[in-house]
Amino acid sequence: MLATQCVLDVLAALIAAFLLSKAAVHGYWTRVMFVGLLGLLPSLQVDLPQWNWYGFPTTFAAAQVVVHFGGFLLAGLVIAKIVREA
């Protein structure tokens, strides 16, 4: 299961890198934030609706938002270095 999760995380990072390479985003920190904000998409589509409709605990939903945004933000630190401005 850990290997599968690793592959899925790498795939998500590759998609983020592809999107960053196509975006007209200038400056290192702006590129980092672009990738970080991509991490909010899974929370907005999955975690917050589960909180809203199915009564998932608020602390769980908030933790998921932090995990997704934080994870993509950390990935963005690396991706923004590798993917140069167009």
Protein backbone atom coordinates (compact mmCIF):
# COMPACT_ATOMS: atom_id res chain seq x y z
CA MET A 1 0.00 0.00 0.00
CA LEU A 2 2.87 2.36 0.77
CA ALA A 3 4.39 1.79 -2.68
CA THR A 4 1.04 2.45 -4.34
CA GLN A 5 0.63 5.69 -2.36
CA CYS A 6 4.14 6.76 -3.34
CA VAL A 7 3.39 6.16 -7.03
CA LEU A 8 0.15 8.13 -6.74
CA ASP A 9 1.91 11.03 -5.00
CA VAL A 10 4.61 11.12 -7.68
CA LEU A 11 1.92 11.08 -10.37
CA ALA A 12 0.17 14.02 -8.68
CA ALA A 13 3.47 15.91 -8.52
CA LEU A 14 4.13 15.23 -12.20
CA ILE A 15 0.69 16.58 -13.11
CA ALA A 16 1.39 19.67 -10.97
CA ALA A 17 4.73 20.12 -12.74
CA PHE A 18 3.04 19.81 -16.14
CA LEU A 19 0.40 22.38 -15.22
CA LEU A 20 3.08 24.73 -13.89
CA SER A 21 5.07 24.36 -17.11
CA LYS A 22 2.03 25.48 -19.11
CA ALA A 23 1.03 28.34 -16.81
CA ALA A 24 2.27 31.88 -17.31
CA VAL A 25 3.49 32.20 -13.72
CA HIS A 26 6.60 34.26 -12.98
CA GLY A 27 8.81 34.28 -9.92
CA TYR A 28 9.90 31.38 -7.73
CA TRP A 29 7.49 32.00 -4.83
CA THR A 30 4.58 32.59 -7.20
CA ARG A 31 5.29 29.21 -8.82
CA VAL A 32 5.51 27.58 -5.36
CA MET A 33 2.13 29.07 -4.40
CA PHE A 34 0.61 27.95 -7.73
CA VAL A 35 1.52 24.35 -6.96
CA GLY A 36 0.46 24.74 -3.32
CA LEU A 37 -2.96 25.98 -4.34
CA LEU A 38 -3.41 22.92 -6.55
CA GLY A 39 -3.44 21.01 -3.27
CA LEU A 40 -6.68 22.71 -2.28
CA LEU A 41 -8.53 21.06 -5.17
CA PRO A 42 -8.84 17.61 -3.56
CA SER A 43 -10.05 19.18 -0.33
CA LEU A 44 -12.64 21.30 -2.10
CA GLN A 45 -13.88 18.33 -4.13
CA VAL A 46 -13.73 15.52 -1.56
CA ASP A 47 -12.98 16.44 2.04
CA LEU A 48 -15.17 19.50 2.52
CA PRO A 49 -18.20 17.93 0.80
CA GLN A 50 -17.81 14.90 3.09
CA TRP A 51 -17.75 17.28 6.06
CA ASN A 52 -20.80 19.10 4.73
CA TRP A 53 -22.97 16.18 3.60
CA TYR A 54 -21.90 13.28 5.80
CA GLY A 55 -20.95 15.03 9.00
CA PHE A 56 -17.26 14.19 8.99
CA PRO A 57 -15.60 15.86 11.99
CA THR A 58 -14.47 19.44 11.46
CA THR A 59 -11.02 18.61 12.81
CA PHE A 60 -10.65 15.81 10.24
CA ALA A 61 -11.70 18.09 7.36
CA ALA A 62 -9.38 20.86 8.55
CA ALA A 63 -6.49 18.42 8.91
CA GLN A 64 -7.08 17.15 5.38
CA VAL A 65 -6.97 20.70 4.02
CA VAL A 66 -3.68 21.29 5.84
CA VAL A 67 -2.23 17.98 4.63
CA HIS A 68 -3.18 18.59 0.99
CA PHE A 69 -2.13 22.23 0.88
CA GLY A 70 1.04 21.61 2.90
CA GLY A 71 2.06 18.60 0.85
CA PHE A 72 1.63 20.42 -2.43
CA LEU A 73 3.37 23.49 -1.00
CA LEU A 74 6.40 21.37 -0.07
CA ALA A 75 6.34 19.72 -3.48
CA GLY A 76 6.07 23.18 -5.00
CA LEU A 77 9.38 24.18 -3.40
CA VAL A 78 11.08 21.50 -5.47
CA ILE A 79 8.93 21.67 -8.59
CA ALA A 80 9.34 25.46 -8.86
CA LYS A 81 13.13 24.99 -8.87
CA ILE A 82 13.00 22.31 -11.56
CA VAL A 83 10.33 23.80 -13.84
CA ARG A 84 11.72 27.09 -15.03
CA GLU A 85 9.72 30.09 -16.21
CA ALA A 86 8.51 29.89 -19.78
